[in-house]
Amino acid sequence: MSTPNISTKTSGNQVNSSEINILTNYLQNRLYRKPEIISKSNNTVLTLSEVSGTVIDNNDQTSNITIELPKADEGYNFIFQYVVENSTESILFQANENDQIFYNDSLNDNINFDSMSYGWNIKFWCIKKDNDFIWVANSDIFIPGGLGSDYGYSMGGYDDGLYSKIDRITFPFDSGVASNVGNLSSTRYIAAGCDGTDFTTLFN
């Protein structure tokens, strides 16, 4: 949807009902619109419009591909989702020549994934570093609790500052407050979560 053409108003001039309706419809479509879905199955360089709140998938991918990110800048973000079943092809995300990608607590020129499961996804967004911006990537894997697991854990993250705490919930869990059960060795910008299948008694 294009930006509405509303004439400039000077002091004392009122906005008429037609202009209000145009602006209201525009804002509703911008705020509540579904994200655009873009498919990439070959080597490609993403444009800025393709990383503006979009969802990108690998539909019809049949070989290893490289996806180059555009220059990082404020506000750009997208989600990449793996939609090819039973595939072993890899996807390499390459940073722009002037950028890096922050992933797994380290800066990388590129990050590579192969043989991912159907439905796997990774989110990319830009954050400020020094006087410039870099890409940050985070792949969230949610493991359902309650299937042989007594607890779920949440670790790290950022709100008004960086967190190092480890919080625990007890399954089944519909509401309530998590218990702080420990701390990571250092703060982590990107939060992580897991169930307690392998760590059921770790913090008892």
N, C-alpha and C. Protein backbone atom coordinates (compact mmCIF):
# COMPACT_ATOMS: atom_id res chain seq x y z
N MET A 1 0.85 -1.19 0.00
CA MET A 1 0.00 0.00 0.00
C MET A 1 0.88 1.23 0.00
N SER A 2 0.58 2.19 -0.90
CA SER A 2 1.38 3.40 -1.00
C SER A 2 1.03 4.38 0.10
N THR A 3 1.94 5.32 0.36
CA THR A 3 1.72 6.34 1.37
C THR A 3 0.56 7.24 0.95
N PRO A 4 -0.42 7.50 1.84
CA PRO A 4 -1.56 8.33 1.46
C PRO A 4 -1.13 9.75 1.13
N ASN A 5 -1.80 10.33 0.12
CA ASN A 5 -1.50 11.69 -0.30
C ASN A 5 -2.44 12.65 0.43
N ILE A 6 -1.98 13.18 1.54
CA ILE A 6 -2.79 14.10 2.32
C ILE A 6 -2.14 15.47 2.27
N SER A 7 -2.92 16.48 1.88
CA SER A 7 -2.37 17.82 1.71
C SER A 7 -1.88 18.40 3.02
N THR A 8 -0.88 19.26 2.95
CA THR A 8 -0.32 19.91 4.13
C THR A 8 -1.34 20.84 4.76
N LYS A 9 -1.46 20.77 6.08
CA LYS A 9 -2.42 21.60 6.79
C LYS A 9 -1.68 22.70 7.55
N THR A 10 -2.18 23.91 7.40
CA THR A 10 -1.61 25.02 8.16
C THR A 10 -2.44 25.25 9.40
N SER A 11 -1.94 26.04 10.29
CA SER A 11 -2.63 26.31 11.55
C SER A 11 -4.04 26.81 11.29
N GLY A 12 -5.01 26.20 11.96
CA GLY A 12 -6.40 26.62 11.83
C GLY A 12 -7.18 25.81 10.83
N ASN A 13 -6.51 25.06 9.93
CA ASN A 13 -7.21 24.21 8.96
C ASN A 13 -7.46 22.84 9.56
N GLN A 14 -8.68 22.33 9.43
CA GLN A 14 -9.03 21.04 9.98
C GLN A 14 -8.88 19.93 8.94
N VAL A 15 -8.57 18.74 9.43
CA VAL A 15 -8.53 17.56 8.56
C VAL A 15 -9.95 17.08 8.36
N ASN A 16 -10.36 16.87 7.11
CA ASN A 16 -11.73 16.44 6.87
C ASN A 16 -11.88 14.93 7.06
N SER A 17 -13.13 14.46 7.08
CA SER A 17 -13.41 13.05 7.37
C SER A 17 -12.83 12.12 6.33
N SER A 18 -12.80 12.53 5.08
CA SER A 18 -12.24 11.69 4.03
C SER A 18 -10.74 11.47 4.26
N GLU A 19 -10.03 12.51 4.64
CA GLU A 19 -8.59 12.40 4.91
C GLU A 19 -8.33 11.54 6.13
N ILE A 20 -9.21 11.65 7.14
CA ILE A 20 -9.07 10.81 8.34
C ILE A 20 -9.24 9.34 7.97
N ASN A 21 -10.23 9.02 7.14
CA ASN A 21 -10.46 7.63 6.74
C ASN A 21 -9.28 7.07 5.96
N ILE A 22 -8.72 7.90 5.05
CA ILE A 22 -7.56 7.46 4.27
C ILE A 22 -6.39 7.13 5.19
N LEU A 23 -6.12 8.02 6.15
CA LEU A 23 -4.99 7.82 7.06
C LEU A 23 -5.23 6.64 7.99
N THR A 24 -6.47 6.48 8.47
CA THR A 24 -6.80 5.36 9.36
C THR A 24 -6.59 4.03 8.65
N ASN A 25 -7.10 3.91 7.42
CA ASN A 25 -6.92 2.66 6.66
C ASN A 25 -5.46 2.38 6.39
N TYR A 26 -4.69 3.42 6.10
CA TYR A 26 -3.26 3.25 5.85
C TYR A 26 -2.54 2.71 7.08
N LEU A 27 -2.81 3.32 8.25
CA LEU A 27 -2.16 2.89 9.48
C LEU A 27 -2.56 1.48 9.87
N GLN A 28 -3.83 1.13 9.69
CA GLN A 28 -4.27 -0.22 10.03
C GLN A 28 -3.58 -1.25 9.17
N ASN A 29 -3.42 -0.97 7.88
CA ASN A 29 -2.74 -1.89 6.99
C ASN A 29 -1.27 -2.00 7.31
N ARG A 30 -0.64 -0.89 7.72
CA ARG A 30 0.78 -0.92 8.05
C ARG A 30 1.03 -1.63 9.37
N LEU A 31 0.15 -1.42 10.35
CA LEU A 31 0.37 -1.99 11.68
C LEU A 31 -0.04 -3.45 11.78
N TYR A 32 -1.05 -3.86 11.02
CA TYR A 32 -1.61 -5.20 11.19
C TYR A 32 -1.47 -6.08 9.95
N ARG A 33 -0.70 -5.63 9.00
CA ARG A 33 -0.55 -6.41 7.77
C ARG A 33 0.25 -7.68 8.04
N LYS A 34 -0.02 -8.70 7.24
CA LYS A 34 0.78 -9.91 7.30
C LYS A 34 2.12 -9.64 6.63
N PRO A 35 3.18 -10.24 7.14
CA PRO A 35 4.49 -10.00 6.52
C PRO A 35 4.54 -10.61 5.12
N GLU A 36 5.28 -9.95 4.25
CA GLU A 36 5.47 -10.47 2.90
C GLU A 36 6.34 -11.71 2.96
N ILE A 37 5.95 -12.74 2.22
CA ILE A 37 6.72 -13.99 2.16
C ILE A 37 7.46 -14.05 0.83
N ILE A 38 8.78 -14.23 0.91
CA ILE A 38 9.64 -14.25 -0.27
C ILE A 38 10.37 -15.59 -0.30
N SER A 39 10.39 -16.24 -1.45
CA SER A 39 11.09 -17.52 -1.59
C SER A 39 12.43 -17.31 -2.28
N LYS A 40 13.46 -17.96 -1.73
CA LYS A 40 14.81 -17.90 -2.31
C LYS A 40 15.35 -19.33 -2.40
N SER A 41 15.54 -19.79 -3.64
CA SER A 41 16.03 -21.16 -3.84
C SER A 41 17.37 -21.21 -4.54
N ASN A 42 17.91 -20.02 -4.90
CA ASN A 42 19.21 -19.94 -5.59
C ASN A 42 20.09 -18.90 -4.89
N ASN A 43 21.36 -18.85 -5.30
CA ASN A 43 22.26 -17.82 -4.77
C ASN A 43 21.67 -16.44 -5.02
N THR A 44 21.71 -15.58 -4.00
CA THR A 44 21.07 -14.28 -4.16
C THR A 44 21.68 -13.25 -3.21
N VAL A 45 21.54 -12.00 -3.57
CA VAL A 45 21.89 -10.88 -2.70
C VAL A 45 20.58 -10.20 -2.32
N LEU A 46 20.26 -10.19 -1.04
CA LEU A 46 19.00 -9.60 -0.60
C LEU A 46 19.04 -8.08 -0.72
N THR A 47 17.92 -7.51 -1.08
CA THR A 47 17.79 -6.06 -1.13
C THR A 47 17.23 -5.56 0.20
N LEU A 48 17.30 -4.25 0.41
CA LEU A 48 16.78 -3.68 1.66
C LEU A 48 15.28 -3.91 1.80
N SER A 49 14.55 -3.87 0.69
CA SER A 49 13.11 -4.10 0.77
C SER A 49 12.79 -5.54 1.15
N GLU A 50 13.72 -6.46 0.85
CA GLU A 50 13.49 -7.87 1.19
C GLU A 50 13.84 -8.19 2.63
N VAL A 51 14.41 -7.24 3.36
CA VAL A 51 14.73 -7.47 4.77
C VAL A 51 14.00 -6.44 5.64
N SER A 52 12.84 -6.01 5.19
CA SER A 52 12.05 -5.01 5.91
C SER A 52 10.82 -5.66 6.52
N GLY A 53 11.05 -6.48 7.56
CA GLY A 53 9.95 -7.14 8.25
C GLY A 53 9.33 -8.28 7.46
N THR A 54 10.11 -8.91 6.60
CA THR A 54 9.60 -9.98 5.75
C THR A 54 9.86 -11.36 6.34
N VAL A 55 9.26 -12.36 5.69
CA VAL A 55 9.56 -13.77 5.96
C VAL A 55 10.13 -14.34 4.67
N ILE A 56 11.33 -14.91 4.74
CA ILE A 56 11.98 -15.49 3.57
C ILE A 56 12.07 -17.00 3.78
N ASP A 57 11.72 -17.78 2.76
CA ASP A 57 11.84 -19.23 2.87
C ASP A 57 12.68 -19.79 1.72
N ASN A 58 12.93 -21.10 1.78
CA ASN A 58 13.78 -21.75 0.78
C ASN A 58 12.97 -22.70 -0.10
N ASN A 59 11.73 -22.34 -0.37
CA ASN A 59 10.85 -23.18 -1.18
C ASN A 59 11.51 -23.50 -2.53
N ASP A 60 11.49 -24.78 -2.91
CA ASP A 60 12.05 -25.28 -4.18
C ASP A 60 13.58 -25.31 -4.21
N GLN A 61 14.25 -25.14 -3.06
CA GLN A 61 15.71 -25.25 -3.05
C GLN A 61 16.12 -26.69 -3.34
N THR A 62 17.05 -26.87 -4.28
CA THR A 62 17.51 -28.22 -4.65
C THR A 62 19.03 -28.35 -4.60
N SER A 63 19.74 -27.27 -4.24
CA SER A 63 21.20 -27.34 -4.15
C SER A 63 21.66 -26.37 -3.07
N ASN A 64 22.94 -26.46 -2.70
CA ASN A 64 23.49 -25.54 -1.70
C ASN A 64 23.41 -24.11 -2.23
N ILE A 65 23.02 -23.18 -1.36
CA ILE A 65 22.90 -21.79 -1.81
C ILE A 65 23.57 -20.84 -0.82
N THR A 66 23.94 -19.66 -1.33
CA THR A 66 24.48 -18.58 -0.51
C THR A 66 23.53 -17.39 -0.60
N ILE A 67 23.17 -16.86 0.56
CA ILE A 67 22.31 -15.68 0.63
C ILE A 67 23.12 -14.56 1.27
N GLU A 68 23.38 -13.51 0.49
CA GLU A 68 24.17 -12.39 1.00
C GLU A 68 23.25 -11.33 1.57
N LEU A 69 23.56 -10.87 2.77
CA LEU A 69 22.76 -9.85 3.42
C LEU A 69 23.18 -8.46 2.94
N PRO A 70 22.24 -7.52 2.87
CA PRO A 70 22.62 -6.15 2.52
C PRO A 70 23.32 -5.48 3.69
N LYS A 71 23.83 -4.29 3.48
CA LYS A 71 24.48 -3.53 4.56
C LYS A 71 23.52 -3.36 5.72
N ALA A 72 23.99 -3.70 6.91
CA ALA A 72 23.16 -3.56 8.11
C ALA A 72 22.86 -2.09 8.38
N ASP A 73 21.62 -1.85 8.80
CA ASP A 73 21.24 -0.49 9.14
C ASP A 73 20.04 -0.55 10.08
N GLU A 74 19.75 0.54 10.70
CA GLU A 74 18.72 0.60 11.73
C GLU A 74 17.36 0.17 11.19
N GLY A 75 16.70 -0.71 11.94
CA GLY A 75 15.32 -1.07 11.65
C GLY A 75 15.12 -2.27 10.75
N TYR A 76 16.15 -2.76 10.09
CA TYR A 76 15.96 -3.87 9.16
C TYR A 76 15.94 -5.20 9.91
N ASN A 77 15.04 -6.08 9.50
CA ASN A 77 14.91 -7.39 10.14
C ASN A 77 14.11 -8.31 9.23
N PHE A 78 14.33 -9.62 9.39
CA PHE A 78 13.53 -10.61 8.67
C PHE A 78 13.68 -11.95 9.36
N ILE A 79 12.77 -12.85 9.03
CA ILE A 79 12.82 -14.23 9.52
C ILE A 79 13.03 -15.15 8.33
N PHE A 80 13.97 -16.07 8.46
CA PHE A 80 14.17 -17.08 7.42
C PHE A 80 13.65 -18.41 7.95
N GLN A 81 12.82 -19.08 7.14
CA GLN A 81 12.30 -20.37 7.57
C GLN A 81 12.56 -21.46 6.53
N TYR A 82 12.87 -22.64 7.04
CA TYR A 82 13.23 -23.79 6.22
C TYR A 82 11.96 -24.58 5.92
N VAL A 83 11.57 -24.64 4.64
CA VAL A 83 10.29 -25.27 4.30
C VAL A 83 10.44 -26.46 3.37
N VAL A 84 11.68 -26.91 3.13
CA VAL A 84 11.90 -28.08 2.29
C VAL A 84 12.05 -29.31 3.17
N GLU A 85 11.23 -30.31 2.93
CA GLU A 85 11.27 -31.53 3.75
C GLU A 85 12.33 -32.51 3.24
N ASN A 86 12.95 -33.21 4.19
CA ASN A 86 13.91 -34.28 3.87
C ASN A 86 15.02 -33.79 2.94
N SER A 87 15.54 -32.60 3.24
CA SER A 87 16.59 -32.02 2.40
C SER A 87 17.91 -31.99 3.15
N THR A 88 19.00 -32.15 2.41
CA THR A 88 20.34 -32.07 3.01
C THR A 88 21.12 -30.88 2.48
N GLU A 89 20.48 -30.05 1.64
CA GLU A 89 21.16 -28.89 1.07
C GLU A 89 21.43 -27.84 2.14
N SER A 90 22.52 -27.12 1.99
CA SER A 90 22.91 -26.12 2.99
C SER A 90 22.52 -24.71 2.54
N ILE A 91 22.45 -23.83 3.54
CA ILE A 91 22.20 -22.42 3.30
C ILE A 91 23.28 -21.64 4.04
N LEU A 92 24.05 -20.86 3.30
CA LEU A 92 25.10 -20.03 3.90
C LEU A 92 24.66 -18.57 3.83
N PHE A 93 24.61 -17.93 4.99
CA PHE A 93 24.29 -16.52 5.06
C PHE A 93 25.59 -15.73 5.12
N GLN A 94 25.82 -14.90 4.12
CA GLN A 94 27.06 -14.15 3.98
C GLN A 94 26.83 -12.69 4.34
N ALA A 95 27.67 -12.17 5.23
CA ALA A 95 27.57 -10.76 5.58
C ALA A 95 28.06 -9.89 4.43
N ASN A 96 27.54 -8.68 4.36
CA ASN A 96 28.06 -7.69 3.43
C ASN A 96 29.55 -7.48 3.70
N GLU A 97 30.30 -7.06 2.71
CA GLU A 97 31.75 -6.93 2.87
C GLU A 97 32.14 -5.97 3.99
N ASN A 98 31.25 -5.07 4.36
CA ASN A 98 31.55 -4.13 5.44
C ASN A 98 30.91 -4.51 6.76
N ASP A 99 30.32 -5.70 6.82
CA ASP A 99 29.56 -6.13 8.00
C ASP A 99 30.08 -7.45 8.57
N GLN A 100 29.48 -7.80 9.71
CA GLN A 100 29.62 -9.14 10.26
C GLN A 100 28.28 -9.55 10.84
N ILE A 101 28.15 -10.85 11.13
CA ILE A 101 26.92 -11.38 11.72
C ILE A 101 27.25 -11.89 13.12
N PHE A 102 26.53 -11.39 14.12
CA PHE A 102 26.72 -11.86 15.49
C PHE A 102 25.81 -13.06 15.71
N TYR A 103 26.44 -14.23 15.95
CA TYR A 103 25.68 -15.47 16.14
C TYR A 103 26.46 -16.38 17.08
N ASN A 104 25.76 -17.01 18.01
CA ASN A 104 26.40 -17.89 18.99
C ASN A 104 27.52 -17.18 19.74
N ASP A 105 27.25 -15.94 20.16
CA ASP A 105 28.17 -15.16 20.98
C ASP A 105 29.49 -14.83 20.28
N SER A 106 29.49 -14.81 18.95
CA SER A 106 30.71 -14.43 18.24
C SER A 106 30.35 -13.72 16.94
N LEU A 107 31.29 -12.89 16.46
CA LEU A 107 31.12 -12.19 15.19
C LEU A 107 31.64 -13.07 14.05
N ASN A 108 30.86 -13.19 12.99
CA ASN A 108 31.21 -14.08 11.88
C ASN A 108 31.04 -13.36 10.56
N ASP A 109 31.88 -13.71 9.58
CA ASP A 109 31.70 -13.20 8.23
C ASP A 109 30.53 -13.91 7.55
N ASN A 110 30.29 -15.16 7.95
CA ASN A 110 29.16 -15.91 7.42
C ASN A 110 28.77 -17.01 8.40
N ILE A 111 27.57 -17.51 8.28
CA ILE A 111 27.10 -18.64 9.08
C ILE A 111 26.43 -19.63 8.15
N ASN A 112 26.68 -20.92 8.37
CA ASN A 112 26.20 -21.95 7.46
C ASN A 112 25.33 -22.97 8.19
N PHE A 113 24.26 -23.40 7.53
CA PHE A 113 23.35 -24.39 8.11
C PHE A 113 23.05 -25.45 7.05
N ASP A 114 23.05 -26.72 7.47
CA ASP A 114 22.68 -27.76 6.53
C ASP A 114 21.83 -28.82 7.22
N SER A 115 21.08 -29.56 6.40
CA SER A 115 20.21 -30.64 6.87
C SER A 115 19.29 -30.17 8.00
N MET A 116 18.73 -28.98 7.87
CA MET A 116 17.82 -28.47 8.88
C MET A 116 16.45 -29.12 8.74
N SER A 117 15.74 -29.19 9.86
CA SER A 117 14.41 -29.80 9.86
C SER A 117 13.37 -28.85 9.28
N TYR A 118 12.32 -29.44 8.73
CA TYR A 118 11.21 -28.65 8.22
C TYR A 118 10.64 -27.79 9.35
N GLY A 119 10.47 -26.50 9.07
CA GLY A 119 9.92 -25.59 10.08
C GLY A 119 10.97 -24.85 10.88
N TRP A 120 12.26 -25.24 10.74
CA TRP A 120 13.32 -24.52 11.45
C TRP A 120 13.35 -23.08 10.98
N ASN A 121 13.63 -22.17 11.89
CA ASN A 121 13.68 -20.76 11.48
C ASN A 121 14.78 -20.02 12.23
N ILE A 122 15.20 -18.91 11.63
CA ILE A 122 16.22 -18.06 12.24
C ILE A 122 15.84 -16.61 11.98
N LYS A 123 15.98 -15.79 12.99
CA LYS A 123 15.62 -14.38 12.88
C LYS A 123 16.87 -13.53 12.76
N PHE A 124 16.85 -12.56 11.87
CA PHE A 124 17.94 -11.60 11.68
C PHE A 124 17.43 -10.20 11.98
N TRP A 125 18.23 -9.42 12.69
CA TRP A 125 17.90 -8.01 12.89
C TRP A 125 19.20 -7.23 13.09
N CYS A 126 19.10 -5.91 13.04
CA CYS A 126 20.28 -5.04 13.12
C CYS A 126 20.36 -4.34 14.47
N ILE A 127 21.55 -4.29 15.03
CA ILE A 127 21.77 -3.53 16.26
C ILE A 127 23.00 -2.64 16.06
N LYS A 128 23.06 -1.62 16.87
CA LYS A 128 24.17 -0.67 16.74
C LYS A 128 25.40 -1.21 17.46
N LYS A 129 26.54 -1.10 16.81
CA LYS A 129 27.82 -1.48 17.39
C LYS A 129 28.82 -0.38 17.08
N ASP A 130 29.37 0.22 18.13
CA ASP A 130 30.25 1.38 17.97
C ASP A 130 29.46 2.48 17.23
N ASN A 131 29.93 2.90 16.08
CA ASN A 131 29.23 3.94 15.32
C ASN A 131 28.55 3.39 14.07
N ASP A 132 28.32 2.09 14.04
CA ASP A 132 27.73 1.47 12.86
C ASP A 132 26.72 0.42 13.32
N PHE A 133 26.17 -0.34 12.36
CA PHE A 133 25.23 -1.40 12.67
C PHE A 133 25.77 -2.74 12.19
N ILE A 134 25.40 -3.81 12.88
CA ILE A 134 25.74 -5.16 12.46
C ILE A 134 24.48 -6.00 12.48
N TRP A 135 24.54 -7.14 11.81
CA TRP A 135 23.43 -8.10 11.85
C TRP A 135 23.58 -9.01 13.06
N VAL A 136 22.46 -9.34 13.67
CA VAL A 136 22.41 -10.34 14.74
C VAL A 136 21.48 -11.45 14.27
N ALA A 137 21.87 -12.70 14.50
CA ALA A 137 21.04 -13.84 14.11
C ALA A 137 20.76 -14.70 15.33
N ASN A 138 19.56 -15.22 15.42
CA ASN A 138 19.19 -16.08 16.54
C ASN A 138 18.23 -17.15 16.05
N SER A 139 18.61 -18.40 16.19
CA SER A 139 17.73 -19.51 15.81
C SER A 139 17.14 -20.08 17.09
N ASP A 140 15.84 -19.99 17.21
CA ASP A 140 15.13 -20.47 18.40
C ASP A 140 14.62 -21.88 18.17
N ILE A 141 15.01 -22.79 19.03
CA ILE A 141 14.50 -24.15 18.98
C ILE A 141 13.73 -24.39 20.25
N PHE A 142 12.41 -24.56 20.13
CA PHE A 142 11.57 -24.74 21.30
C PHE A 142 11.31 -26.22 21.52
N ILE A 143 11.71 -26.72 22.67
CA ILE A 143 11.51 -28.13 23.01
C ILE A 143 10.37 -28.22 23.99
N PRO A 144 9.27 -28.88 23.65
CA PRO A 144 8.13 -28.92 24.56
C PRO A 144 8.46 -29.63 25.85
N GLY A 145 8.02 -29.06 26.92
CA GLY A 145 8.25 -29.69 28.22
C GLY A 145 7.14 -30.65 28.56
N GLY A 146 7.35 -31.41 29.64
CA GLY A 146 6.32 -32.32 30.09
C GLY A 146 6.45 -33.70 29.47
N LEU A 147 7.30 -33.87 28.49
CA LEU A 147 7.49 -35.17 27.86
C LEU A 147 8.74 -35.80 28.46
N GLY A 148 8.62 -36.28 29.68
CA GLY A 148 9.76 -36.83 30.38
C GLY A 148 10.58 -35.75 31.04
N SER A 149 10.08 -34.52 31.06
CA SER A 149 10.81 -33.41 31.65
C SER A 149 9.98 -32.78 32.74
N ASP A 150 10.62 -32.42 33.86
CA ASP A 150 9.92 -31.78 34.97
C ASP A 150 10.00 -30.27 34.92
N TYR A 151 11.05 -29.73 34.27
CA TYR A 151 11.29 -28.31 34.33
C TYR A 151 11.59 -27.72 32.95
N GLY A 152 11.40 -26.41 32.87
CA GLY A 152 11.84 -25.64 31.72
C GLY A 152 12.70 -24.49 32.21
N TYR A 153 13.69 -24.07 31.41
CA TYR A 153 14.63 -23.05 31.85
C TYR A 153 14.71 -21.91 30.84
N SER A 154 14.87 -20.71 31.34
CA SER A 154 15.11 -19.53 30.52
C SER A 154 16.39 -18.89 31.02
N MET A 155 17.28 -18.51 30.07
CA MET A 155 18.61 -18.03 30.45
C MET A 155 19.00 -16.80 29.65
N GLY A 156 19.59 -15.84 30.34
CA GLY A 156 20.12 -14.66 29.67
C GLY A 156 19.04 -13.75 29.14
N GLY A 157 19.42 -12.84 28.23
CA GLY A 157 18.47 -11.92 27.63
C GLY A 157 18.79 -10.48 27.97
N TYR A 158 17.95 -9.60 27.43
CA TYR A 158 18.16 -8.15 27.61
C TYR A 158 16.83 -7.47 27.84
N ASP A 159 16.77 -6.58 28.83
CA ASP A 159 15.60 -5.72 29.03
C ASP A 159 16.11 -4.31 29.28
N ASP A 160 16.32 -3.98 30.55
CA ASP A 160 16.95 -2.70 30.87
C ASP A 160 18.46 -2.86 31.02
N GLY A 161 18.95 -4.05 30.76
CA GLY A 161 20.36 -4.37 30.83
C GLY A 161 20.57 -5.83 30.45
N LEU A 162 21.81 -6.27 30.38
CA LEU A 162 22.12 -7.66 30.04
C LEU A 162 21.88 -8.56 31.24
N TYR A 163 21.33 -9.75 30.99
CA TYR A 163 21.02 -10.70 32.06
C TYR A 163 21.98 -11.89 32.04
N SER A 164 22.24 -12.44 33.22
CA SER A 164 23.00 -13.68 33.32
C SER A 164 22.20 -14.73 34.10
N LYS A 165 21.01 -14.38 34.55
CA LYS A 165 20.27 -15.27 35.44
C LYS A 165 19.64 -16.45 34.70
N ILE A 166 19.40 -17.52 35.45
CA ILE A 166 18.72 -18.71 34.96
C ILE A 166 17.42 -18.85 35.75
N ASP A 167 16.28 -18.82 35.04
CA ASP A 167 14.98 -18.98 35.67
C ASP A 167 14.41 -20.35 35.34
N ARG A 168 13.63 -20.91 36.29
CA ARG A 168 13.07 -22.25 36.09
C ARG A 168 11.57 -22.24 36.32
N ILE A 169 10.83 -22.96 35.46
CA ILE A 169 9.40 -23.20 35.68
C ILE A 169 9.19 -24.70 35.84
N THR A 170 8.12 -25.08 36.50
CA THR A 170 7.80 -26.48 36.71
C THR A 170 6.62 -26.86 35.83
N PHE A 171 6.76 -27.93 35.06
CA PHE A 171 5.67 -28.41 34.19
C PHE A 171 4.69 -29.27 35.00
N PRO A 172 3.39 -29.22 34.66
CA PRO A 172 2.77 -28.35 33.66
C PRO A 172 2.73 -26.90 34.17
N PHE A 173 2.81 -25.95 33.26
CA PHE A 173 2.88 -24.54 33.64
C PHE A 173 1.94 -23.72 32.78
N ASP A 174 0.92 -23.12 33.40
CA ASP A 174 -0.02 -22.26 32.69
C ASP A 174 0.11 -20.81 33.12
N SER A 175 0.53 -20.60 34.36
CA SER A 175 0.69 -19.24 34.87
C SER A 175 1.55 -19.30 36.12
N GLY A 176 1.97 -18.13 36.59
CA GLY A 176 2.77 -18.07 37.80
C GLY A 176 4.07 -17.34 37.58
N VAL A 177 4.99 -17.52 38.51
CA VAL A 177 6.28 -16.82 38.47
C VAL A 177 7.40 -17.85 38.46
N ALA A 178 8.37 -17.65 37.58
CA ALA A 178 9.52 -18.55 37.52
C ALA A 178 10.43 -18.33 38.72
N SER A 179 11.20 -19.35 39.05
CA SER A 179 12.15 -19.28 40.16
C SER A 179 13.56 -19.04 39.63
N ASN A 180 14.25 -18.10 40.23
CA ASN A 180 15.65 -17.89 39.86
C ASN A 180 16.50 -18.94 40.55
N VAL A 181 17.20 -19.76 39.74
CA VAL A 181 17.92 -20.90 40.31
C VAL A 181 19.43 -20.84 40.11
N GLY A 182 19.92 -19.79 39.47
CA GLY A 182 21.36 -19.71 39.27
C GLY A 182 21.72 -18.61 38.30
N ASN A 183 22.99 -18.59 37.91
CA ASN A 183 23.48 -17.58 36.99
C ASN A 183 24.42 -18.20 35.96
N LEU A 184 24.42 -17.65 34.77
CA LEU A 184 25.39 -18.06 33.76
C LEU A 184 26.77 -17.54 34.14
N SER A 185 27.78 -18.02 33.45
CA SER A 185 29.15 -17.58 33.76
C SER A 185 29.36 -16.12 33.38
N SER A 186 28.51 -15.59 32.47
CA SER A 186 28.58 -14.19 32.09
C SER A 186 27.24 -13.79 31.51
N THR A 187 27.02 -12.49 31.29
CA THR A 187 25.77 -12.03 30.70
C THR A 187 25.68 -12.46 29.24
N ARG A 188 24.45 -12.60 28.75
CA ARG A 188 24.20 -12.97 27.36
C ARG A 188 23.12 -12.07 26.79
N TYR A 189 23.41 -11.45 25.64
CA TYR A 189 22.43 -10.56 25.01
C TYR A 189 21.22 -11.36 24.51
N ILE A 190 21.48 -12.53 23.90
CA ILE A 190 20.41 -13.34 23.32
C ILE A 190 19.95 -14.37 24.34
N ALA A 191 18.64 -14.37 24.61
CA ALA A 191 18.08 -15.31 25.57
C ALA A 191 17.99 -16.70 24.95
N ALA A 192 17.97 -17.72 25.81
CA ALA A 192 17.82 -19.10 25.35
C ALA A 192 16.88 -19.83 26.29
N GLY A 193 16.28 -20.90 25.80
CA GLY A 193 15.40 -21.70 26.64
C GLY A 193 15.55 -23.16 26.32
N CYS A 194 15.27 -24.01 27.29
CA CYS A 194 15.31 -25.45 27.06
C CYS A 194 14.46 -26.14 28.11
N ASP A 195 14.15 -27.42 27.86
CA ASP A 195 13.46 -28.17 28.90
C ASP A 195 14.51 -28.83 29.78
N GLY A 196 14.07 -29.59 30.76
CA GLY A 196 15.02 -30.14 31.72
C GLY A 196 15.25 -31.62 31.58
N THR A 197 15.07 -32.16 30.37
CA THR A 197 15.22 -33.60 30.19
C THR A 197 16.59 -34.10 30.65
N ASP A 198 17.63 -33.32 30.34
CA ASP A 198 18.97 -33.75 30.72
C ASP A 198 19.45 -33.07 32.00
N PHE A 199 18.63 -32.14 32.54
CA PHE A 199 19.09 -31.36 33.69
C PHE A 199 18.03 -31.32 34.79
N THR A 200 17.23 -32.37 34.87
CA THR A 200 16.11 -32.39 35.80
C THR A 200 16.55 -32.13 37.24
N THR A 201 17.68 -32.69 37.64
CA THR A 201 18.11 -32.56 39.03
C THR A 201 19.27 -31.58 39.21
N LEU A 202 19.61 -30.90 38.15
CA LEU A 202 20.80 -30.06 38.20
C LEU A 202 20.71 -28.96 39.26
N PHE A 203 19.52 -28.33 39.34
CA PHE A 203 19.39 -27.21 40.27
C PHE A 203 18.49 -27.54 41.46
N ASN A 204 18.21 -28.82 41.71
CA ASN A 204 17.38 -29.21 42.87
C ASN A 204 18.09 -28.91 44.18
